[in-house]
Amino acid sequence: MFINRVSRKKAPIIFGDGEQTRDFTFVKDAVEANILAAESDAMGVFNIGKGRRTTVNRLAEIIIQSVGSNVAPIYGEPRPGDVKHSLADISRAEAFGYNPKYSLKEGLKQTVSSFVSSPYIAAQATQQKGL
């Protein structure tokens, strides 16, 4: 949602003060984790993440920079039941060789690049302009 809005020069909407944290993981790291797990003898449930907390404010800041925009986030009321802080314990996944390789900035850079070059997104932007 943030990338979609920011790429259309609209402010991202953050629910709460933005200081809530999440453990954001780039999709290539998640794919690698699945491959490693499938090729190992590992059994059970494994948390896949970066093992690092990032605030939603920081996420929005990186996306805004990656898109090359200057929009500022809009803050809304916190959502009822939203978790304030989340962090994946990746120690069990590390046992089968999982080690996240992509920084949040690098993962978002690649994601933003794919998103803004998507034909679907270009068509959506054209529709919104009434062309």
Protein backbone atom coordinates (compact mmCIF):
# COMPACT_ATOMS: atom_id res chain seq x y z
CA MET A 1 0.00 0.00 0.00
CA PHE A 2 2.78 2.45 0.85
CA ILE A 3 4.60 1.92 -2.45
CA ASN A 4 1.37 2.18 -4.42
CA ARG A 5 0.38 5.46 -2.78
CA VAL A 6 3.85 7.04 -2.79
CA SER A 7 4.47 6.12 -6.44
CA ARG A 8 1.26 8.04 -7.26
CA LYS A 9 2.50 11.05 -5.24
CA LYS A 10 0.02 10.35 -2.45
CA ALA A 11 0.95 10.26 1.21
CA PRO A 12 1.25 6.87 2.86
CA ILE A 13 -1.25 6.36 5.68
CA ILE A 14 0.21 5.20 8.98
CA PHE A 15 -2.17 4.01 11.66
CA GLY A 16 -0.95 5.14 15.07
CA ASP A 17 2.25 7.07 15.69
CA GLY A 18 4.39 4.94 13.36
CA GLU A 19 6.67 3.83 16.17
CA GLN A 20 5.24 0.32 16.09
CA THR A 21 7.84 -2.14 14.86
CA ARG A 22 7.79 -5.05 12.46
CA ASP A 23 10.34 -7.52 11.18
CA PHE A 24 10.26 -6.86 7.42
CA THR A 25 11.72 -9.52 5.14
CA PHE A 26 12.57 -9.29 1.46
CA VAL A 27 10.83 -11.92 -0.65
CA LYS A 28 14.13 -13.30 -2.02
CA ASP A 29 15.22 -14.11 1.54
CA ALA A 30 11.88 -15.84 2.19
CA VAL A 31 12.27 -17.89 -1.00
CA GLU A 32 15.81 -18.85 0.00
CA ALA A 33 14.56 -19.95 3.42
CA ASN A 34 11.93 -22.18 1.83
CA ILE A 35 14.47 -23.77 -0.50
CA LEU A 36 16.91 -24.39 2.35
CA ALA A 37 14.15 -25.90 4.50
CA ALA A 38 12.95 -28.14 1.67
CA GLU A 39 16.46 -29.41 1.02
CA SER A 40 17.18 -30.07 4.70
CA ASP A 41 15.94 -32.59 7.21
CA ALA A 42 14.31 -29.78 9.17
CA MET A 43 10.87 -30.50 10.62
CA GLY A 44 8.46 -28.19 12.38
CA VAL A 45 7.56 -24.54 12.33
CA PHE A 46 10.18 -21.92 11.53
CA ASN A 47 9.98 -18.15 11.75
CA ILE A 48 11.38 -16.43 8.69
CA GLY A 49 12.30 -12.80 9.06
CA LYS A 50 15.27 -10.51 9.26
CA GLY A 51 15.61 -10.83 13.02
CA ARG A 52 15.56 -7.04 13.28
CA ARG A 53 12.84 -4.54 14.22
CA THR A 54 12.05 -1.56 12.01
CA THR A 55 9.52 1.14 12.79
CA VAL A 56 6.71 1.78 10.36
CA ASN A 57 7.96 5.40 10.21
CA ARG A 58 11.36 4.17 9.01
CA LEU A 59 9.72 1.89 6.45
CA ALA A 60 7.73 4.83 5.06
CA GLU A 61 10.86 7.01 5.00
CA ILE A 62 12.83 4.43 2.99
CA ILE A 63 9.96 3.92 0.53
CA ILE A 64 9.54 7.68 0.03
CA GLN A 65 13.30 7.99 -0.63
CA SER A 66 13.33 4.95 -2.94
CA VAL A 67 10.49 6.34 -5.04
CA GLY A 68 12.13 9.79 -5.11
CA SER A 69 9.12 11.51 -3.62
CA ASN A 70 8.73 14.21 -1.02
CA VAL A 71 5.31 13.29 0.37
CA ALA A 72 4.87 13.15 4.14
CA PRO A 73 2.94 10.37 5.86
CA ILE A 74 -0.59 10.94 7.11
CA TYR A 75 -1.26 9.56 10.57
CA GLY A 76 -4.58 7.96 11.47
CA GLU A 77 -6.02 6.46 14.59
CA PRO A 78 -4.37 3.23 15.73
CA ARG A 79 -6.21 0.12 14.60
CA PRO A 80 -7.83 -1.83 17.44
CA GLY A 81 -5.91 -5.00 18.26
CA ASP A 82 -2.84 -4.01 16.23
CA VAL A 83 0.35 -5.46 17.69
CA LYS A 84 2.75 -2.73 18.87
CA HIS A 85 6.00 -4.65 18.32
CA SER A 86 6.84 -7.76 16.33
CA LEU A 87 10.17 -9.52 15.91
CA ALA A 88 10.79 -12.95 14.40
CA ASP A 89 12.98 -15.37 16.32
CA ILE A 90 14.85 -16.90 13.39
CA SER A 91 17.19 -19.10 15.44
CA ARG A 92 15.50 -22.38 14.42
CA ALA A 93 15.75 -21.41 10.74
CA GLU A 94 19.41 -20.48 11.17
CA ALA A 95 19.99 -24.12 12.18
CA PHE A 96 19.25 -25.23 8.59
CA GLY A 97 21.38 -22.46 7.09
CA TYR A 98 18.96 -19.54 6.79
CA ASN A 99 20.76 -16.22 6.92
CA PRO A 100 18.90 -13.19 5.51
CA LYS A 101 21.09 -11.50 2.91
CA TYR A 102 19.15 -8.39 1.90
CA SER A 103 18.99 -5.20 3.92
CA LEU A 104 15.64 -3.48 4.23
CA LYS A 105 16.86 -0.69 1.95
CA GLU A 106 18.09 -3.08 -0.76
CA GLY A 107 14.94 -5.17 -0.63
CA LEU A 108 12.73 -2.10 -0.86
CA LYS A 109 14.84 -0.66 -3.68
CA GLN A 110 14.28 -3.82 -5.74
CA THR A 111 10.60 -3.99 -4.79
CA VAL A 112 9.98 -0.33 -5.69
CA SER A 113 11.80 -0.80 -8.99
CA SER A 114 9.67 -3.83 -9.88
CA PHE A 115 6.50 -2.11 -8.75
CA VAL A 116 6.93 1.15 -10.66
CA SER A 117 7.99 -0.65 -13.85
CA SER A 118 4.97 -2.99 -13.74
CA PRO A 119 2.63 -2.69 -16.76
CA TYR A 120 -0.30 -3.17 -14.39
CA ILE A 121 0.72 -0.16 -12.32
CA ALA A 122 1.26 1.95 -15.45
CA ALA A 123 -2.24 1.03 -16.67
CA GLN A 124 -3.70 1.82 -13.26
CA ALA A 125 -2.03 5.25 -13.24
CA THR A 126 -3.34 5.99 -16.74
CA GLN A 127 -6.87 5.08 -15.67
CA GLN A 128 -6.65 7.40 -12.68
CA LYS A 129 -5.57 10.28 -14.87
CA GLY A 130 -8.58 9.65 -17.09
CA LEU A 131 -6.49 8.89 -20.18
